[in-house]
Amino acid sequence: MSRPRLLVTRPDIPPEALAMLRERCDVTTWDHPRPVDRSFFLDHVKGVDGLFCMVTEKIDKELLDAAGPSLKVIGTMSVGHDHIDLNEVKARGIKVGFTPNVLTDSTAELAVALLLMTARRLVEARDQITNGGWAGCAWSPLWMCGQGLAGSTAGIVGLGRIGQGVAARLRPFNVSKILYTGRTEKPEARDLGAEYVTFDDLLARSDFVIITCALNESTKGLFNEAAFKKMKKTAILINTSRGGTVDQAALVTALKSGQIQAAGLDVMTPEPLPSDHELTTLTNCTLIPHVGSATVKSRTDMATLTSRNILAALDGSAMPAQLC
């Protein structure tokens, strides 16, 4: 009996996950530690039974046509799935696995770390050492002062697993209130002491607005010019969800005009963000390169779950984490 054929779009996934696949399947990998070239992708996906991909790969009609009818399963090493045309996938009866839960802790930790970095102006403060600002300022009562969390109101947009993780981690900082908004109220919010409010109410009341929702048609560009005008001028925006939830041109205007005080972004559009993008020039914008799940444990768990999803589907068994 022939072994299933798989295409893995990166060579540098955690070795445990690659070993699982190679034990059972004939595996082809893109040889470079960067997103796969589209031409290579289209050529080598032909006739494969399974695909191990990342959020950097666009799985659309063209790609699925190139793969042909042999493709049975797609495993994406991500929670987000806006890079996959799910309607096309479903129409072809292809199973899709993803990686929920395993990155909740790491991403929630990162959201709080980014909030603290931005609120306390830590990147800007670090630069004062190397650019001579510290040596030249003499001591001033308000020099490099930021905002603290104690007594503040934090608003979380999307109280899913990661949003709940953020809320739980904020409580020890003695925030006064945790607000949240989303499509429905969450029973878990009661244990977190979080109050369900409308989106507009959250914007108006929050000192910190933290985006942890999924990117979809209802959240795309949710944070636009109108939204920023409803926020406090002292408000700080944190985004660890997807760059597409924020209208970046409107954000630049809001930051430059003082409509809001600051922003901390782990996700942007496009990614990678060009090094000369206007956001990189703003001292009140803290940028980090989409590292929300970047712990060794989380990335290893994500990779091995992706492999388990693929192998289960090839066996005709239930996938540990099936998206569709």
C-alpha atoms as a PDB file:
ATOM      1  CA  MET A   1       0.000   0.000   0.000  1.00  0.00           C
ATOM      2  CA  SER A   2       1.436   3.375  -0.996  1.00  0.00           C
ATOM      3  CA  ARG A   3       2.174   5.959   1.663  1.00  0.00           C
ATOM      4  CA  PRO A   4       0.231   9.233   1.660  1.00  0.00           C
ATOM      5  CA  ARG A   5       1.993  12.205   0.107  1.00  0.00           C
ATOM      6  CA  LEU A   6       2.254  15.423   2.109  1.00  0.00           C
ATOM      7  CA  LEU A   7       3.509  18.934   1.412  1.00  0.00           C
ATOM      8  CA  VAL A   8       4.873  20.953   4.328  1.00  0.00           C
ATOM      9  CA  THR A   9       5.315  24.630   3.519  1.00  0.00           C
ATOM     10  CA  ARG A  10       8.272  25.259   5.860  1.00  0.00           C
ATOM     11  CA  PRO A  11      11.346  23.181   6.782  1.00  0.00           C
ATOM     12  CA  ASP A  12      11.783  24.766  10.217  1.00  0.00           C
ATOM     13  CA  ILE A  13       8.686  23.533  12.054  1.00  0.00           C
ATOM     14  CA  PRO A  14       9.444  21.843  15.400  1.00  0.00           C
ATOM     15  CA  PRO A  15      11.171  18.532  14.569  1.00  0.00           C
ATOM     16  CA  GLU A  16       8.791  16.457  16.675  1.00  0.00           C
ATOM     17  CA  ALA A  17       5.930  17.356  14.323  1.00  0.00           C
ATOM     18  CA  LEU A  18       7.924  16.641  11.175  1.00  0.00           C
ATOM     19  CA  ALA A  19       9.060  13.269  12.551  1.00  0.00           C
ATOM     20  CA  MET A  20       5.434  12.260  13.184  1.00  0.00           C
ATOM     21  CA  LEU A  21       4.597  12.897   9.548  1.00  0.00           C
ATOM     22  CA  ARG A  22       7.681  11.280   8.064  1.00  0.00           C
ATOM     23  CA  GLU A  23       7.045   8.080   9.997  1.00  0.00           C
ATOM     24  CA  ARG A  24       3.764   7.565   8.159  1.00  0.00           C
ATOM     25  CA  CYS A  25       3.983   9.616   4.963  1.00  0.00           C
ATOM     26  CA  ASP A  26       6.189  10.729   2.087  1.00  0.00           C
ATOM     27  CA  VAL A  27       6.897  14.354   2.935  1.00  0.00           C
ATOM     28  CA  THR A  28       8.020  17.170   0.657  1.00  0.00           C
ATOM     29  CA  THR A  29       9.064  20.443   2.261  1.00  0.00           C
ATOM     30  CA  TRP A  30       9.865  23.912   0.987  1.00  0.00           C
ATOM     31  CA  ASP A  31      13.601  24.183   1.673  1.00  0.00           C
ATOM     32  CA  HIS A  32      13.905  27.754   2.916  1.00  0.00           C
ATOM     33  CA  PRO A  33      12.994  29.208   6.355  1.00  0.00           C
ATOM     34  CA  ARG A  34      10.653  31.790   4.877  1.00  0.00           C
ATOM     35  CA  PRO A  35       7.137  31.727   3.401  1.00  0.00           C
ATOM     36  CA  VAL A  36       6.924  29.343   0.464  1.00  0.00           C
ATOM     37  CA  ASP A  37       7.204  30.795  -3.036  1.00  0.00           C
ATOM     38  CA  ARG A  38       3.835  30.691  -4.752  1.00  0.00           C
ATOM     39  CA  SER A  39       5.293  29.027  -7.873  1.00  0.00           C
ATOM     40  CA  PHE A  40       6.835  26.224  -5.784  1.00  0.00           C
ATOM     41  CA  PHE A  41       3.591  25.876  -3.858  1.00  0.00           C
ATOM     42  CA  LEU A  42       1.435  25.538  -6.961  1.00  0.00           C
ATOM     43  CA  ASP A  43       3.826  23.067  -8.549  1.00  0.00           C
ATOM     44  CA  HIS A  44       4.450  20.787  -5.575  1.00  0.00           C
ATOM     45  CA  VAL A  45       0.899  20.665  -4.202  1.00  0.00           C
ATOM     46  CA  LYS A  46      -0.168  18.654  -7.251  1.00  0.00           C
ATOM     47  CA  GLY A  47      -1.390  15.193  -6.299  1.00  0.00           C
ATOM     48  CA  VAL A  48      -0.711  15.431  -2.543  1.00  0.00           C
ATOM     49  CA  ASP A  49      -3.025  13.859   0.022  1.00  0.00           C
ATOM     50  CA  GLY A  50      -2.363  16.375   2.765  1.00  0.00           C
ATOM     51  CA  LEU A  51      -1.049  19.898   3.295  1.00  0.00           C
ATOM     52  CA  PHE A  52       0.683  21.342   6.367  1.00  0.00           C
ATOM     53  CA  CYS A  53       0.520  25.143   6.044  1.00  0.00           C
ATOM     54  CA  MET A  54       0.909  28.452   7.895  1.00  0.00           C
ATOM     55  CA  VAL A  55      -1.093  31.687   7.980  1.00  0.00           C
ATOM     56  CA  THR A  56       1.362  33.076   5.427  1.00  0.00           C
ATOM     57  CA  GLU A  57      -0.007  30.777   2.704  1.00  0.00           C
ATOM     58  CA  LYS A  58      -3.093  31.642   0.705  1.00  0.00           C
ATOM     59  CA  ILE A  59      -5.261  28.565   0.230  1.00  0.00           C
ATOM     60  CA  ASP A  60      -7.601  29.670  -2.532  1.00  0.00           C
ATOM     61  CA  LYS A  61      -9.312  28.246  -5.604  1.00  0.00           C
ATOM     62  CA  GLU A  62      -6.135  28.437  -7.678  1.00  0.00           C
ATOM     63  CA  LEU A  63      -4.183  26.430  -5.112  1.00  0.00           C
ATOM     64  CA  LEU A  64      -6.950  23.877  -4.619  1.00  0.00           C
ATOM     65  CA  ASP A  65      -7.324  23.445  -8.376  1.00  0.00           C
ATOM     66  CA  ALA A  66      -3.582  22.832  -8.601  1.00  0.00           C
ATOM     67  CA  ALA A  67      -3.768  20.228  -5.824  1.00  0.00           C
ATOM     68  CA  GLY A  68      -6.517  18.315  -7.547  1.00  0.00           C
ATOM     69  CA  PRO A  69      -8.937  15.721  -6.154  1.00  0.00           C
ATOM     70  CA  SER A  70      -6.294  13.816  -4.182  1.00  0.00           C
ATOM     71  CA  LEU A  71      -6.152  16.503  -1.454  1.00  0.00           C
ATOM     72  CA  LYS A  72      -8.039  15.199   1.587  1.00  0.00           C
ATOM     73  CA  VAL A  73      -6.839  17.350   4.464  1.00  0.00           C
ATOM     74  CA  ILE A  74      -5.308  20.733   5.242  1.00  0.00           C
ATOM     75  CA  GLY A  75      -3.662  21.302   8.606  1.00  0.00           C
ATOM     76  CA  THR A  76      -2.951  24.936   9.401  1.00  0.00           C
ATOM     77  CA  MET A  77      -0.525  25.690  12.213  1.00  0.00           C
ATOM     78  CA  SER A  78      -2.695  28.520  13.480  1.00  0.00           C
ATOM     79  CA  VAL A  79      -5.944  29.437  15.159  1.00  0.00           C
ATOM     80  CA  GLY A  80      -6.745  32.059  12.551  1.00  0.00           C
ATOM     81  CA  HIS A  81      -8.022  30.760   9.239  1.00  0.00           C
ATOM     82  CA  ASP A  82      -8.714  33.839   7.117  1.00  0.00           C
ATOM     83  CA  HIS A  83      -5.953  32.649   4.747  1.00  0.00           C
ATOM     84  CA  ILE A  84      -8.127  29.666   3.755  1.00  0.00           C
ATOM     85  CA  ASP A  85     -11.125  29.912   1.436  1.00  0.00           C
ATOM     86  CA  LEU A  86     -13.411  27.752   3.545  1.00  0.00           C
ATOM     87  CA  ASN A  87     -16.252  27.818   1.032  1.00  0.00           C
ATOM     88  CA  GLU A  88     -14.013  26.311  -1.643  1.00  0.00           C
ATOM     89  CA  VAL A  89     -12.619  23.775   0.815  1.00  0.00           C
ATOM     90  CA  LYS A  90     -16.053  22.662   2.000  1.00  0.00           C
ATOM     91  CA  ALA A  91     -17.340  22.354  -1.558  1.00  0.00           C
ATOM     92  CA  ARG A  92     -14.525  19.888  -2.286  1.00  0.00           C
ATOM     93  CA  GLY A  93     -15.024  17.848   0.905  1.00  0.00           C
ATOM     94  CA  ILE A  94     -11.552  18.653   2.221  1.00  0.00           C
ATOM     95  CA  LYS A  95     -11.113  18.522   5.987  1.00  0.00           C
ATOM     96  CA  VAL A  96      -9.348  21.380   7.752  1.00  0.00           C
ATOM     97  CA  GLY A  97      -7.624  21.164  11.127  1.00  0.00           C
ATOM     98  CA  PHE A  98      -6.403  24.116  13.193  1.00  0.00           C
ATOM     99  CA  THR A  99      -4.781  24.719  16.585  1.00  0.00           C
ATOM    100  CA  PRO A 100      -7.121  26.263  19.179  1.00  0.00           C
ATOM    101  CA  ASN A 101      -6.423  26.235  22.926  1.00  0.00           C
ATOM    102  CA  VAL A 102      -2.693  25.463  22.749  1.00  0.00           C
ATOM    103  CA  LEU A 103      -1.689  29.108  22.294  1.00  0.00           C
ATOM    104  CA  THR A 104      -4.185  30.669  24.699  1.00  0.00           C
ATOM    105  CA  ASP A 105      -1.762  31.143  27.593  1.00  0.00           C
ATOM    106  CA  SER A 106       1.146  32.449  25.531  1.00  0.00           C
ATOM    107  CA  THR A 107      -1.000  34.920  23.588  1.00  0.00           C
ATOM    108  CA  ALA A 108      -2.805  36.165  26.696  1.00  0.00           C
ATOM    109  CA  GLU A 109       0.545  36.668  28.435  1.00  0.00           C
ATOM    110  CA  LEU A 110       1.840  38.572  25.430  1.00  0.00           C
ATOM    111  CA  ALA A 111      -1.235  40.825  25.342  1.00  0.00           C
ATOM    112  CA  VAL A 112      -0.671  41.868  28.942  1.00  0.00           C
ATOM    113  CA  ALA A 113       3.062  42.314  28.356  1.00  0.00           C
ATOM    114  CA  LEU A 114       2.349  44.526  25.342  1.00  0.00           C
ATOM    115  CA  LEU A 115      -0.181  46.501  27.346  1.00  0.00           C
ATOM    116  CA  LEU A 116       2.405  47.154  30.055  1.00  0.00           C
ATOM    117  CA  MET A 117       5.103  48.016  27.507  1.00  0.00           C
ATOM    118  CA  THR A 118       2.818  50.536  25.855  1.00  0.00           C
ATOM    119  CA  ALA A 119       1.176  52.003  28.948  1.00  0.00           C
ATOM    120  CA  ARG A 120       4.476  52.491  30.786  1.00  0.00           C
ATOM    121  CA  ARG A 121       6.298  53.644  27.603  1.00  0.00           C
ATOM    122  CA  LEU A 122       9.031  51.050  28.080  1.00  0.00           C
ATOM    123  CA  VAL A 123      10.382  51.043  24.523  1.00  0.00           C
ATOM    124  CA  GLU A 124      10.518  54.819  24.518  1.00  0.00           C
ATOM    125  CA  ALA A 125      12.190  54.762  27.953  1.00  0.00           C
ATOM    126  CA  ARG A 126      14.797  52.226  26.771  1.00  0.00           C
ATOM    127  CA  ASP A 127      15.638  54.534  23.867  1.00  0.00           C
ATOM    128  CA  GLN A 128      16.314  57.373  26.319  1.00  0.00           C
ATOM    129  CA  ILE A 129      19.387  55.463  27.521  1.00  0.00           C
ATOM    130  CA  THR A 130      20.928  55.049  24.080  1.00  0.00           C
ATOM    131  CA  ASN A 131      19.932  58.387  22.530  1.00  0.00           C
ATOM    132  CA  GLY A 132      21.249  60.514  25.399  1.00  0.00           C
ATOM    133  CA  GLY A 133      17.828  61.599  26.581  1.00  0.00           C
ATOM    134  CA  TRP A 134      18.339  60.250  30.090  1.00  0.00           C
ATOM    135  CA  ALA A 135      21.720  61.877  30.528  1.00  0.00           C
ATOM    136  CA  GLY A 136      20.505  65.209  29.219  1.00  0.00           C
ATOM    137  CA  CYS A 137      17.133  65.587  30.856  1.00  0.00           C
ATOM    138  CA  ALA A 138      17.973  66.124  34.523  1.00  0.00           C
ATOM    139  CA  TRP A 139      15.265  64.741  36.777  1.00  0.00           C
ATOM    140  CA  SER A 140      11.743  65.922  36.034  1.00  0.00           C
ATOM    141  CA  PRO A 141       8.604  64.882  37.958  1.00  0.00           C
ATOM    142  CA  LEU A 142       6.667  63.914  34.833  1.00  0.00           C
ATOM    143  CA  TRP A 143       9.544  62.662  32.657  1.00  0.00           C
ATOM    144  CA  MET A 144       8.666  59.357  30.939  1.00  0.00           C
ATOM    145  CA  CYS A 145       5.473  58.972  32.961  1.00  0.00           C
ATOM    146  CA  GLY A 146       2.952  56.509  31.600  1.00  0.00           C
ATOM    147  CA  GLN A 147      -0.281  54.977  32.810  1.00  0.00           C
ATOM    148  CA  GLY A 148      -0.737  52.334  35.481  1.00  0.00           C
ATOM    149  CA  LEU A 149      -3.325  49.573  35.513  1.00  0.00           C
ATOM    150  CA  ALA A 150      -4.492  49.936  39.126  1.00  0.00           C
ATOM    151  CA  GLY A 151      -7.914  51.543  39.268  1.00  0.00           C
ATOM    152  CA  SER A 152      -8.315  51.568  35.496  1.00  0.00           C
ATOM    153  CA  THR A 153     -11.072  50.213  33.253  1.00  0.00           C
ATOM    154  CA  ALA A 154     -10.002  47.602  30.728  1.00  0.00           C
ATOM    155  CA  GLY A 155     -12.228  46.773  27.775  1.00  0.00           C
ATOM    156  CA  ILE A 156     -11.808  43.476  25.925  1.00  0.00           C
ATOM    157  CA  VAL A 157     -13.252  43.120  22.426  1.00  0.00           C
ATOM    158  CA  GLY A 158     -14.004  39.414  22.031  1.00  0.00           C
ATOM    159  CA  LEU A 159     -14.118  37.343  25.225  1.00  0.00           C
ATOM    160  CA  GLY A 160     -13.129  34.007  23.712  1.00  0.00           C
ATOM    161  CA  ARG A 161     -10.388  31.802  25.111  1.00  0.00           C
ATOM    162  CA  ILE A 162      -7.660  34.409  24.690  1.00  0.00           C
ATOM    163  CA  GLY A 163      -9.874  37.257  25.869  1.00  0.00           C
ATOM    164  CA  GLN A 164     -10.724  35.290  28.995  1.00  0.00           C
ATOM    165  CA  GLY A 165      -7.026  34.598  29.520  1.00  0.00           C
ATOM    166  CA  VAL A 166      -6.288  38.316  29.312  1.00  0.00           C
ATOM    167  CA  ALA A 167      -9.087  39.151  31.764  1.00  0.00           C
ATOM    168  CA  ALA A 168      -7.809  36.594  34.299  1.00  0.00           C
ATOM    169  CA  ARG A 169      -4.303  38.048  34.074  1.00  0.00           C
ATOM    170  CA  LEU A 170      -5.493  41.631  34.509  1.00  0.00           C
ATOM    171  CA  ARG A 171      -7.263  41.014  37.811  1.00  0.00           C
ATOM    172  CA  PRO A 172      -4.062  40.799  39.931  1.00  0.00           C
ATOM    173  CA  PHE A 173      -3.104  44.271  38.633  1.00  0.00           C
ATOM    174  CA  ASN A 174      -6.078  45.689  40.549  1.00  0.00           C
ATOM    175  CA  VAL A 175      -7.968  47.078  37.587  1.00  0.00           C
ATOM    176  CA  SER A 176     -11.219  48.651  38.724  1.00  0.00           C
ATOM    177  CA  LYS A 177     -13.439  47.232  35.967  1.00  0.00           C
ATOM    178  CA  ILE A 178     -13.203  44.726  33.149  1.00  0.00           C
ATOM    179  CA  LEU A 179     -15.677  45.321  30.341  1.00  0.00           C
ATOM    180  CA  TYR A 180     -16.192  43.105  27.323  1.00  0.00           C
ATOM    181  CA  THR A 181     -18.184  43.092  24.138  1.00  0.00           C
ATOM    182  CA  GLY A 182     -18.950  40.522  21.480  1.00  0.00           C
ATOM    183  CA  ARG A 183     -21.788  38.801  19.686  1.00  0.00           C
ATOM    184  CA  THR A 184     -23.179  37.243  22.882  1.00  0.00           C
ATOM    185  CA  GLU A 185     -22.745  37.328  26.622  1.00  0.00           C
ATOM    186  CA  LYS A 186     -20.357  34.724  28.018  1.00  0.00           C
ATOM    187  CA  PRO A 187     -21.271  32.726  31.148  1.00  0.00           C
ATOM    188  CA  GLU A 188     -17.540  32.503  31.948  1.00  0.00           C
ATOM    189  CA  ALA A 189     -17.458  36.290  32.377  1.00  0.00           C
ATOM    190  CA  ARG A 190     -19.156  36.039  35.743  1.00  0.00           C
ATOM    191  CA  ASP A 191     -16.165  34.294  37.325  1.00  0.00           C
ATOM    192  CA  LEU A 192     -13.857  36.868  35.769  1.00  0.00           C
ATOM    193  CA  GLY A 193     -15.868  39.795  37.113  1.00  0.00           C
ATOM    194  CA  ALA A 194     -16.329  41.083  33.561  1.00  0.00           C
ATOM    195  CA  GLU A 195     -19.333  43.191  32.514  1.00  0.00           C
ATOM    196  CA  TYR A 196     -21.006  42.770  29.122  1.00  0.00           C
ATOM    197  CA  VAL A 197     -21.530  46.100  27.340  1.00  0.00           C
ATOM    198  CA  THR A 198     -22.126  47.438  23.854  1.00  0.00           C
ATOM    199  CA  PHE A 199     -19.145  48.204  21.643  1.00  0.00           C
ATOM    200  CA  ASP A 200     -19.772  51.950  21.881  1.00  0.00           C
ATOM    201  CA  ASP A 201     -20.072  51.802  25.673  1.00  0.00           C
ATOM    202  CA  LEU A 202     -16.799  49.897  25.902  1.00  0.00           C
ATOM    203  CA  LEU A 203     -15.018  52.485  23.754  1.00  0.00           C
ATOM    204  CA  ALA A 204     -16.358  55.378  25.811  1.00  0.00           C
ATOM    205  CA  ARG A 205     -15.511  53.911  29.229  1.00  0.00           C
ATOM    206  CA  SER A 206     -12.234  52.030  28.748  1.00  0.00           C
ATOM    207  CA  ASP A 207      -8.755  53.270  29.600  1.00  0.00           C
ATOM    208  CA  PHE A 208      -7.316  50.269  27.785  1.00  0.00           C
ATOM    209  CA  VAL A 209      -9.023  48.672  24.790  1.00  0.00           C
ATOM    210  CA  ILE A 210      -7.710  45.185  24.019  1.00  0.00           C
ATOM    211  CA  ILE A 211      -8.643  43.455  20.751  1.00  0.00           C
ATOM    212  CA  THR A 212      -8.764  39.654  20.994  1.00  0.00           C
ATOM    213  CA  CYS A 213     -11.612  38.890  18.583  1.00  0.00           C
ATOM    214  CA  ALA A 214     -11.425  36.816  15.407  1.00  0.00           C
ATOM    215  CA  LEU A 215     -11.143  38.541  12.034  1.00  0.00           C
ATOM    216  CA  ASN A 216     -14.319  38.153  10.008  1.00  0.00           C
ATOM    217  CA  GLU A 217     -16.674  40.300   7.959  1.00  0.00           C
ATOM    218  CA  SER A 218     -18.172  41.900  11.065  1.00  0.00           C
ATOM    219  CA  THR A 219     -14.814  42.759  12.676  1.00  0.00           C
ATOM    220  CA  LYS A 220     -12.827  43.779   9.594  1.00  0.00           C
ATOM    221  CA  GLY A 221     -11.937  47.456  10.001  1.00  0.00           C
ATOM    222  CA  LEU A 222     -13.943  47.586  13.234  1.00  0.00           C
ATOM    223  CA  PHE A 223     -11.494  50.111  14.662  1.00  0.00           C
ATOM    224  CA  ASN A 224     -11.913  52.975  12.231  1.00  0.00           C
ATOM    225  CA  GLU A 225     -12.098  56.760  12.420  1.00  0.00           C
ATOM    226  CA  ALA A 226     -15.544  56.659  14.013  1.00  0.00           C
ATOM    227  CA  ALA A 227     -14.421  54.174  16.668  1.00  0.00           C
ATOM    228  CA  PHE A 228     -11.334  56.182  17.621  1.00  0.00           C
ATOM    229  CA  LYS A 229     -13.468  59.315  18.059  1.00  0.00           C
ATOM    230  CA  LYS A 230     -15.556  57.446  20.653  1.00  0.00           C
ATOM    231  CA  MET A 231     -12.519  56.517  22.748  1.00  0.00           C
ATOM    232  CA  LYS A 232     -10.997  58.562  25.546  1.00  0.00           C
ATOM    233  CA  LYS A 233      -8.130  60.809  24.504  1.00  0.00           C
ATOM    234  CA  THR A 234      -6.102  59.032  27.194  1.00  0.00           C
ATOM    235  CA  ALA A 235      -7.061  55.577  25.912  1.00  0.00           C
ATOM    236  CA  ILE A 236      -4.521  52.964  24.833  1.00  0.00           C
ATOM    237  CA  LEU A 237      -5.328  50.421  22.123  1.00  0.00           C
ATOM    238  CA  ILE A 238      -3.787  46.923  22.172  1.00  0.00           C
ATOM    239  CA  ASN A 239      -4.198  44.513  19.258  1.00  0.00           C
ATOM    240  CA  THR A 240      -3.126  40.866  19.401  1.00  0.00           C
ATOM    241  CA  SER A 241      -5.870  39.497  17.129  1.00  0.00           C
ATOM    242  CA  ARG A 242      -5.426  40.279  13.421  1.00  0.00           C
ATOM    243  CA  GLY A 243      -4.194  43.425  11.730  1.00  0.00           C
ATOM    244  CA  GLY A 244      -7.333  43.621   9.622  1.00  0.00           C
ATOM    245  CA  THR A 245      -9.485  44.532  12.626  1.00  0.00           C
ATOM    246  CA  VAL A 246      -7.875  47.992  12.589  1.00  0.00           C
ATOM    247  CA  ASP A 247      -7.993  50.652   9.870  1.00  0.00           C
ATOM    248  CA  GLN A 248      -4.306  51.531  10.079  1.00  0.00           C
ATOM    249  CA  ALA A 249      -4.596  54.842   8.229  1.00  0.00           C
ATOM    250  CA  ALA A 250      -7.233  55.925  10.746  1.00  0.00           C
ATOM    251  CA  LEU A 251      -5.028  54.694  13.581  1.00  0.00           C
ATOM    252  CA  VAL A 252      -2.072  56.749  12.349  1.00  0.00           C
ATOM    253  CA  THR A 253      -4.287  59.838  12.263  1.00  0.00           C
ATOM    254  CA  ALA A 254      -5.666  59.115  15.746  1.00  0.00           C
ATOM    255  CA  LEU A 255      -2.171  58.690  17.202  1.00  0.00           C
ATOM    256  CA  LYS A 256      -0.708  61.767  15.512  1.00  0.00           C
ATOM    257  CA  SER A 257      -3.646  64.010  16.385  1.00  0.00           C
ATOM    258  CA  GLY A 258      -3.926  62.890  20.010  1.00  0.00           C
ATOM    259  CA  GLN A 259      -7.375  61.385  19.458  1.00  0.00           C
ATOM    260  CA  ILE A 260      -6.077  58.437  21.501  1.00  0.00           C
ATOM    261  CA  GLN A 261      -2.922  58.345  23.587  1.00  0.00           C
ATOM    262  CA  ALA A 262      -1.082  55.268  22.334  1.00  0.00           C
ATOM    263  CA  ALA A 263      -1.291  51.877  20.673  1.00  0.00           C
ATOM    264  CA  GLY A 264       0.521  48.562  21.028  1.00  0.00           C
ATOM    265  CA  LEU A 265       0.334  46.200  18.058  1.00  0.00           C
ATOM    266  CA  ASP A 266       1.472  42.607  17.694  1.00  0.00           C
ATOM    267  CA  VAL A 267      -0.431  42.303  14.414  1.00  0.00           C
ATOM    268  CA  MET A 268      -0.464  44.618  11.420  1.00  0.00           C
ATOM    269  CA  THR A 269      -1.367  44.855   7.748  1.00  0.00           C
ATOM    270  CA  PRO A 270       0.592  43.813   5.816  1.00  0.00           C
ATOM    271  CA  GLU A 271       2.911  41.424   7.593  1.00  0.00           C
ATOM    272  CA  PRO A 272       5.822  41.853   7.664  1.00  0.00           C
ATOM    273  CA  LEU A 273       5.181  45.570   8.083  1.00  0.00           C
ATOM    274  CA  PRO A 274       7.550  47.629   5.893  1.00  0.00           C
ATOM    275  CA  SER A 275      10.349  49.052   8.012  1.00  0.00           C
ATOM    276  CA  ASP A 276       9.592  52.549   6.729  1.00  0.00           C
ATOM    277  CA  HIS A 277       5.844  52.379   7.475  1.00  0.00           C
ATOM    278  CA  GLU A 278       4.536  55.498   9.187  1.00  0.00           C
ATOM    279  CA  LEU A 279       3.559  53.515  12.290  1.00  0.00           C
ATOM    280  CA  THR A 280       7.264  52.809  12.916  1.00  0.00           C
ATOM    281  CA  THR A 281       7.941  56.549  13.215  1.00  0.00           C
ATOM    282  CA  LEU A 282       5.451  57.197  16.014  1.00  0.00           C
ATOM    283  CA  THR A 283       6.826  57.188  19.554  1.00  0.00           C
ATOM    284  CA  ASN A 284       3.344  56.472  20.930  1.00  0.00           C
ATOM    285  CA  CYS A 285       3.032  53.239  18.932  1.00  0.00           C
ATOM    286  CA  THR A 286       4.708  50.082  20.239  1.00  0.00           C
ATOM    287  CA  LEU A 287       5.208  47.458  17.525  1.00  0.00           C
ATOM    288  CA  ILE A 288       6.257  43.824  17.903  1.00  0.00           C
ATOM    289  CA  PRO A 289       6.382  41.303  15.025  1.00  0.00           C
ATOM    290  CA  HIS A 290       3.385  38.962  15.565  1.00  0.00           C
ATOM    291  CA  VAL A 291       4.971  36.961  18.383  1.00  0.00           C
ATOM    292  CA  GLY A 292       1.817  36.305  20.427  1.00  0.00           C
ATOM    293  CA  SER A 293       2.300  32.533  20.471  1.00  0.00           C
ATOM    294  CA  ALA A 294       6.092  32.644  20.419  1.00  0.00           C
ATOM    295  CA  THR A 295       7.052  30.316  23.225  1.00  0.00           C
ATOM    296  CA  VAL A 296       8.847  27.073  22.473  1.00  0.00           C
ATOM    297  CA  LYS A 297       6.101  25.064  24.155  1.00  0.00           C
ATOM    298  CA  SER A 298       3.244  26.786  22.326  1.00  0.00           C
ATOM    299  CA  ARG A 299       4.837  26.506  18.899  1.00  0.00           C
ATOM    300  CA  THR A 300       5.756  22.851  19.497  1.00  0.00           C
ATOM    301  CA  ASP A 301       2.227  22.074  20.683  1.00  0.00           C
ATOM    302  CA  MET A 302       0.786  23.869  17.653  1.00  0.00           C
ATOM    303  CA  ALA A 303       2.994  21.938  15.245  1.00  0.00           C
ATOM    304  CA  THR A 304       2.331  18.513  16.774  1.00  0.00           C
ATOM    305  CA  LEU A 305      -1.418  19.196  16.909  1.00  0.00           C
ATOM    306  CA  THR A 306      -1.302  20.107  13.217  1.00  0.00           C
ATOM    307  CA  SER A 307       0.425  16.797  12.452  1.00  0.00           C
ATOM    308  CA  ARG A 308      -2.085  14.874  14.564  1.00  0.00           C
ATOM    309  CA  ASN A 309      -4.947  16.579  12.722  1.00  0.00           C
ATOM    310  CA  ILE A 310      -3.519  15.570   9.341  1.00  0.00           C
ATOM    311  CA  LEU A 311      -2.779  11.983  10.310  1.00  0.00           C
ATOM    312  CA  ALA A 312      -6.210  11.489  11.877  1.00  0.00           C
ATOM    313  CA  ALA A 313      -7.939  12.741   8.743  1.00  0.00           C
ATOM    314  CA  LEU A 314      -5.838  10.456   6.535  1.00  0.00           C
ATOM    315  CA  ASP A 315      -6.835   7.539   8.794  1.00  0.00           C
ATOM    316  CA  GLY A 316     -10.503   8.459   8.530  1.00  0.00           C
ATOM    317  CA  SER A 317     -10.578   9.188  12.267  1.00  0.00           C
ATOM    318  CA  ALA A 318     -11.907  12.213  14.150  1.00  0.00           C
ATOM    319  CA  MET A 319      -9.446  15.097  14.077  1.00  0.00           C
ATOM    320  CA  PRO A 320      -8.368  16.464  17.481  1.00  0.00           C
ATOM    321  CA  ALA A 321      -9.213  19.994  16.338  1.00  0.00           C
ATOM    322  CA  GLN A 322     -11.336  20.150  13.193  1.00  0.00           C
ATOM    323  CA  LEU A 323     -12.363  23.477  11.723  1.00  0.00           C
ATOM    324  CA  CYS A 324     -14.471  22.025   8.935  1.00  0.00           C
END
